Amino acid sequence: GDRCVRLKMWNGDGTRVLAAYRNDCTLRLFSAEEGVSSFSSSSSSLLSSLCGCRQLISVRVVPRASKKSVWVMDDMDADESFVACLCTTGGDRHVVVFFERKSLECAGGVNVR
């Protein structure tokens, strides 16, 4: 399977997280979703509700792999304006993919602010 190489908070309230995946070179944006209560109100447990997540966006940041070029994402970082991904192809060629956050939001086709 694929492996997440980095998680970054996407918004200030902590309800959205951007994840970078190594093998398919995708950035995926997830939103926290409140779950249903997992215990009755009489329960003495501290855990009273579950929280799940929903994927909002999945965007590949490099060209599709071919027999001659296989891409992997080594790392990712993001700030309030930009996202940067460090990718490797052919085992030794490093490429930095750099774009504005709003470009990722547009590519995903949903309002993710």
N, C-alpha and C. Protein backbone atom coordinates (compact mmCIF):
# COMPACT_ATOMS: atom_id res chain seq x y z
N GLY A 1 0.82 -1.20 0.00
CA GLY A 1 0.00 0.00 0.00
C GLY A 1 0.85 1.25 0.00
N ASP A 2 0.18 2.36 -0.01
CA ASP A 2 0.87 3.64 -0.03
C ASP A 2 1.20 4.07 1.39
N ARG A 3 2.15 4.99 1.51
CA ARG A 3 2.61 5.45 2.81
C ARG A 3 2.55 6.97 2.86
N CYS A 4 1.95 7.50 3.92
CA CYS A 4 1.90 8.95 4.13
C CYS A 4 3.25 9.41 4.66
N VAL A 5 3.85 10.40 3.97
CA VAL A 5 5.16 10.89 4.40
C VAL A 5 5.09 12.18 5.21
N ARG A 6 3.97 12.89 5.16
CA ARG A 6 3.86 14.15 5.90
C ARG A 6 2.40 14.54 6.08
N LEU A 7 2.08 15.09 7.24
CA LEU A 7 0.77 15.69 7.52
C LEU A 7 0.98 17.14 7.90
N LYS A 8 0.13 18.02 7.37
CA LYS A 8 0.19 19.45 7.71
C LYS A 8 -1.23 19.94 7.98
N MET A 9 -1.39 20.74 9.03
CA MET A 9 -2.69 21.35 9.29
C MET A 9 -3.00 22.29 8.14
N TRP A 10 -4.23 22.25 7.63
CA TRP A 10 -4.61 23.06 6.48
C TRP A 10 -5.27 24.36 6.90
N ASN A 11 -6.00 24.34 8.01
CA ASN A 11 -6.69 25.55 8.45
C ASN A 11 -6.43 25.80 9.92
N GLY A 12 -6.77 26.98 10.38
CA GLY A 12 -6.44 27.40 11.74
C GLY A 12 -7.18 26.67 12.84
N ASP A 13 -8.36 26.15 12.56
CA ASP A 13 -9.12 25.50 13.62
C ASP A 13 -8.85 24.00 13.74
N GLY A 14 -7.93 23.49 12.93
CA GLY A 14 -7.51 22.10 13.05
C GLY A 14 -8.48 21.06 12.54
N THR A 15 -9.46 21.47 11.74
CA THR A 15 -10.44 20.50 11.24
C THR A 15 -10.07 19.92 9.88
N ARG A 16 -9.02 20.44 9.25
CA ARG A 16 -8.59 19.93 7.95
C ARG A 16 -7.09 19.66 7.96
N VAL A 17 -6.71 18.54 7.34
CA VAL A 17 -5.31 18.12 7.31
C VAL A 17 -4.93 17.75 5.89
N LEU A 18 -3.76 18.24 5.44
CA LEU A 18 -3.21 17.88 4.14
C LEU A 18 -2.20 16.76 4.35
N ALA A 19 -2.37 15.67 3.59
CA ALA A 19 -1.48 14.51 3.70
C ALA A 19 -0.77 14.30 2.37
N ALA A 20 0.53 13.98 2.44
CA ALA A 20 1.34 13.70 1.25
C ALA A 20 1.64 12.20 1.22
N TYR A 21 1.35 11.56 0.09
CA TYR A 21 1.54 10.11 -0.05
C TYR A 21 2.68 9.80 -1.00
N ARG A 22 3.58 8.93 -0.55
CA ARG A 22 4.84 8.64 -1.22
C ARG A 22 4.68 7.99 -2.59
N ASN A 23 4.06 6.83 -2.66
CA ASN A 23 4.11 6.02 -3.88
C ASN A 23 3.28 6.56 -5.03
N ASP A 24 2.12 7.15 -4.74
CA ASP A 24 1.32 7.68 -5.85
C ASP A 24 1.47 9.19 -6.02
N CYS A 25 2.34 9.81 -5.22
CA CYS A 25 2.63 11.26 -5.31
C CYS A 25 1.37 12.11 -5.28
N THR A 26 0.48 11.78 -4.37
CA THR A 26 -0.74 12.57 -4.24
C THR A 26 -0.73 13.39 -2.96
N LEU A 27 -1.43 14.51 -3.04
CA LEU A 27 -1.77 15.29 -1.87
C LEU A 27 -3.26 15.06 -1.64
N ARG A 28 -3.61 14.73 -0.42
CA ARG A 28 -5.01 14.46 -0.09
C ARG A 28 -5.40 15.34 1.08
N LEU A 29 -6.53 16.02 0.93
CA LEU A 29 -7.04 16.88 1.99
C LEU A 29 -8.18 16.16 2.69
N PHE A 30 -8.07 16.07 4.02
CA PHE A 30 -9.09 15.40 4.83
C PHE A 30 -9.75 16.40 5.76
N SER A 31 -11.04 16.17 6.02
CA SER A 31 -11.80 17.00 6.93
C SER A 31 -12.26 16.15 8.10
N ALA A 32 -12.11 16.67 9.33
CA ALA A 32 -12.59 15.96 10.51
C ALA A 32 -14.11 16.02 10.54
N GLU A 33 -14.70 14.91 10.88
CA GLU A 33 -16.16 14.82 10.96
C GLU A 33 -16.52 14.32 12.35
N GLU A 34 -17.46 15.00 13.01
CA GLU A 34 -17.89 14.52 14.32
C GLU A 34 -18.68 13.26 14.15
N GLY A 35 -18.40 12.30 15.01
CA GLY A 35 -19.10 11.02 14.97
C GLY A 35 -20.26 10.99 15.93
N VAL A 36 -20.85 9.86 16.02
CA VAL A 36 -21.97 9.67 16.95
C VAL A 36 -21.41 9.27 18.30
N SER A 37 -22.20 9.47 19.31
CA SER A 37 -21.78 9.10 20.66
C SER A 37 -21.50 7.62 20.73
N SER A 38 -20.38 7.27 21.34
CA SER A 38 -20.00 5.86 21.42
C SER A 38 -20.38 5.21 22.74
N PHE A 39 -20.80 6.01 23.71
CA PHE A 39 -21.20 5.48 25.02
C PHE A 39 -22.48 6.16 25.45
N SER A 40 -23.24 5.51 26.31
CA SER A 40 -24.45 6.13 26.84
C SER A 40 -24.07 7.25 27.80
N SER A 41 -25.00 8.13 28.09
CA SER A 41 -24.71 9.26 28.97
C SER A 41 -24.36 8.80 30.39
N SER A 42 -24.72 7.58 30.75
CA SER A 42 -24.41 7.08 32.08
C SER A 42 -23.00 6.49 32.16
N SER A 43 -22.33 6.39 31.04
CA SER A 43 -20.99 5.80 31.03
C SER A 43 -20.00 6.70 31.74
N SER A 44 -19.07 6.10 32.46
CA SER A 44 -18.06 6.89 33.17
C SER A 44 -16.80 7.07 32.34
N SER A 45 -16.80 6.55 31.11
CA SER A 45 -15.61 6.65 30.27
C SER A 45 -15.38 8.09 29.83
N LEU A 46 -14.09 8.45 29.69
CA LEU A 46 -13.75 9.80 29.21
C LEU A 46 -14.03 9.95 27.73
N LEU A 47 -14.01 8.85 26.99
CA LEU A 47 -14.25 8.90 25.56
C LEU A 47 -15.75 8.88 25.32
N SER A 48 -16.32 10.00 24.89
CA SER A 48 -17.76 10.07 24.73
C SER A 48 -18.20 10.14 23.28
N SER A 49 -17.30 10.43 22.38
CA SER A 49 -17.71 10.46 20.97
C SER A 49 -16.55 10.06 20.09
N LEU A 50 -16.87 9.64 18.90
CA LEU A 50 -15.86 9.25 17.93
C LEU A 50 -15.71 10.35 16.89
N CYS A 51 -14.52 10.48 16.34
CA CYS A 51 -14.28 11.46 15.29
C CYS A 51 -13.71 10.71 14.09
N GLY A 52 -14.30 10.93 12.94
CA GLY A 52 -13.83 10.30 11.72
C GLY A 52 -13.30 11.37 10.78
N CYS A 53 -12.99 10.98 9.57
CA CYS A 53 -12.54 11.96 8.59
C CYS A 53 -13.11 11.61 7.22
N ARG A 54 -13.15 12.61 6.37
CA ARG A 54 -13.66 12.47 5.01
C ARG A 54 -12.64 13.09 4.07
N GLN A 55 -12.30 12.38 2.99
CA GLN A 55 -11.36 12.92 2.02
C GLN A 55 -12.08 13.90 1.12
N LEU A 56 -11.53 15.12 1.01
CA LEU A 56 -12.11 16.16 0.16
C LEU A 56 -11.44 16.23 -1.20
N ILE A 57 -10.12 16.04 -1.22
CA ILE A 57 -9.34 16.23 -2.45
C ILE A 57 -8.27 15.15 -2.53
N SER A 58 -7.98 14.70 -3.74
CA SER A 58 -6.81 13.88 -4.02
C SER A 58 -6.25 14.36 -5.35
N VAL A 59 -5.04 14.93 -5.31
CA VAL A 59 -4.42 15.51 -6.50
C VAL A 59 -3.02 14.94 -6.67
N ARG A 60 -2.73 14.41 -7.85
CA ARG A 60 -1.38 13.93 -8.16
C ARG A 60 -0.53 15.12 -8.59
N VAL A 61 0.67 15.26 -8.02
CA VAL A 61 1.48 16.46 -8.25
C VAL A 61 2.60 16.26 -9.27
N VAL A 62 2.76 15.05 -9.81
CA VAL A 62 3.78 14.77 -10.82
C VAL A 62 3.13 14.01 -11.97
N PRO A 63 3.84 13.91 -13.13
CA PRO A 63 3.29 13.13 -14.24
C PRO A 63 3.13 11.66 -13.87
N ARG A 64 2.25 10.97 -14.56
CA ARG A 64 2.06 9.53 -14.34
C ARG A 64 3.38 8.78 -14.56
N ALA A 65 3.59 7.75 -13.77
CA ALA A 65 4.80 6.93 -13.90
C ALA A 65 4.74 6.14 -15.20
N SER A 66 5.89 5.92 -15.78
CA SER A 66 6.00 5.08 -16.96
C SER A 66 7.08 4.03 -16.68
N LYS A 67 7.34 3.17 -17.64
CA LYS A 67 8.38 2.15 -17.45
C LYS A 67 9.75 2.80 -17.25
N LYS A 68 9.94 3.99 -17.83
CA LYS A 68 11.24 4.66 -17.73
C LYS A 68 11.34 5.63 -16.56
N SER A 69 10.22 6.06 -16.04
CA SER A 69 10.28 7.02 -14.93
C SER A 69 9.26 6.67 -13.86
N VAL A 70 9.77 6.40 -12.68
CA VAL A 70 8.92 6.13 -11.53
C VAL A 70 9.13 7.26 -10.53
N TRP A 71 8.04 7.89 -10.12
CA TRP A 71 8.11 9.00 -9.20
C TRP A 71 7.74 8.57 -7.79
N VAL A 72 8.38 9.17 -6.78
CA VAL A 72 7.97 9.04 -5.39
C VAL A 72 8.04 10.42 -4.74
N MET A 73 7.17 10.66 -3.76
CA MET A 73 7.21 11.91 -3.02
C MET A 73 7.97 11.67 -1.73
N ASP A 74 9.04 12.44 -1.53
CA ASP A 74 9.88 12.28 -0.35
C ASP A 74 9.42 13.14 0.82
N ASP A 75 8.86 14.33 0.52
CA ASP A 75 8.45 15.23 1.59
C ASP A 75 7.52 16.30 1.05
N MET A 76 6.86 17.00 1.95
CA MET A 76 5.95 18.09 1.59
C MET A 76 5.93 19.09 2.73
N ASP A 77 5.75 20.35 2.40
CA ASP A 77 5.54 21.39 3.41
C ASP A 77 4.55 22.39 2.86
N ALA A 78 3.89 23.09 3.76
CA ALA A 78 2.89 24.08 3.35
C ALA A 78 2.87 25.21 4.36
N ASP A 79 2.58 26.42 3.87
CA ASP A 79 2.34 27.55 4.76
C ASP A 79 0.99 28.15 4.37
N GLU A 80 0.74 29.39 4.76
CA GLU A 80 -0.57 30.01 4.50
C GLU A 80 -0.81 30.27 3.02
N SER A 81 0.24 30.32 2.20
CA SER A 81 0.10 30.68 0.79
C SER A 81 0.53 29.60 -0.20
N PHE A 82 1.51 28.79 0.17
CA PHE A 82 2.12 27.87 -0.80
C PHE A 82 2.24 26.45 -0.27
N VAL A 83 2.35 25.51 -1.22
CA VAL A 83 2.64 24.11 -0.93
C VAL A 83 3.86 23.73 -1.76
N ALA A 84 4.80 23.00 -1.15
CA ALA A 84 5.99 22.53 -1.86
C ALA A 84 6.15 21.03 -1.61
N CYS A 85 6.44 20.30 -2.69
CA CYS A 85 6.63 18.86 -2.59
C CYS A 85 8.00 18.51 -3.16
N LEU A 86 8.75 17.68 -2.44
CA LEU A 86 10.03 17.18 -2.92
C LEU A 86 9.78 15.78 -3.46
N CYS A 87 10.02 15.60 -4.76
CA CYS A 87 9.78 14.31 -5.42
C CYS A 87 11.08 13.83 -6.05
N THR A 88 11.17 12.50 -6.22
CA THR A 88 12.33 11.88 -6.83
C THR A 88 11.87 11.00 -7.97
N THR A 89 12.61 11.04 -9.08
CA THR A 89 12.34 10.14 -10.19
C THR A 89 13.65 9.48 -10.61
N GLY A 90 13.55 8.25 -11.02
CA GLY A 90 14.73 7.53 -11.46
C GLY A 90 15.74 7.26 -10.35
N GLY A 91 15.33 7.43 -9.11
CA GLY A 91 16.20 7.13 -7.99
C GLY A 91 17.17 8.21 -7.59
N ASP A 92 17.49 9.15 -8.52
CA ASP A 92 18.50 10.15 -8.15
C ASP A 92 18.18 11.56 -8.61
N ARG A 93 17.14 11.75 -9.38
CA ARG A 93 16.78 13.09 -9.86
C ARG A 93 15.70 13.67 -8.96
N HIS A 94 16.03 14.78 -8.28
CA HIS A 94 15.11 15.41 -7.34
C HIS A 94 14.43 16.60 -8.01
N VAL A 95 13.13 16.73 -7.78
CA VAL A 95 12.34 17.81 -8.36
C VAL A 95 11.48 18.41 -7.24
N VAL A 96 11.45 19.74 -7.16
CA VAL A 96 10.56 20.41 -6.22
C VAL A 96 9.36 20.93 -7.00
N VAL A 97 8.19 20.50 -6.58
CA VAL A 97 6.93 20.96 -7.16
C VAL A 97 6.38 22.00 -6.20
N PHE A 98 6.14 23.21 -6.70
CA PHE A 98 5.81 24.36 -5.87
C PHE A 98 4.59 25.05 -6.47
N PHE A 99 3.54 25.29 -5.67
CA PHE A 99 2.35 25.95 -6.19
C PHE A 99 1.58 26.63 -5.06
N GLU A 100 0.68 27.54 -5.47
CA GLU A 100 -0.14 28.24 -4.50
C GLU A 100 -1.21 27.32 -3.94
N ARG A 101 -1.56 27.53 -2.68
CA ARG A 101 -2.62 26.72 -2.05
C ARG A 101 -3.93 26.79 -2.83
N LYS A 102 -4.27 27.97 -3.33
CA LYS A 102 -5.54 28.09 -4.03
C LYS A 102 -5.57 27.24 -5.30
N SER A 103 -4.40 26.95 -5.89
CA SER A 103 -4.34 26.06 -7.05
C SER A 103 -4.76 24.65 -6.67
N LEU A 104 -4.33 24.19 -5.51
CA LEU A 104 -4.73 22.87 -5.02
C LEU A 104 -6.23 22.85 -4.77
N GLU A 105 -6.75 23.91 -4.19
CA GLU A 105 -8.17 23.99 -3.92
C GLU A 105 -8.98 23.95 -5.21
N CYS A 106 -8.53 24.66 -6.24
CA CYS A 106 -9.22 24.66 -7.53
C CYS A 106 -9.13 23.30 -8.20
N ALA A 107 -7.96 22.66 -8.12
CA ALA A 107 -7.77 21.35 -8.77
C ALA A 107 -8.69 20.31 -8.14
N GLY A 108 -8.97 20.46 -6.85
CA GLY A 108 -9.84 19.50 -6.18
C GLY A 108 -11.31 19.70 -6.50
N GLY A 109 -11.66 20.87 -7.01
CA GLY A 109 -13.03 21.13 -7.43
C GLY A 109 -14.04 21.33 -6.32
N VAL A 110 -13.56 21.57 -5.10
CA VAL A 110 -14.48 21.81 -4.00
C VAL A 110 -14.00 23.02 -3.20
N ASN A 111 -14.93 23.63 -2.48
CA ASN A 111 -14.57 24.75 -1.62
C ASN A 111 -13.97 24.17 -0.34
N VAL A 112 -12.69 24.40 -0.12
CA VAL A 112 -12.01 23.76 1.01
C VAL A 112 -11.46 24.76 2.02
N ARG A 113 -11.97 25.95 2.04
CA ARG A 113 -11.45 26.95 2.98
C ARG A 113 -11.98 26.77 4.35
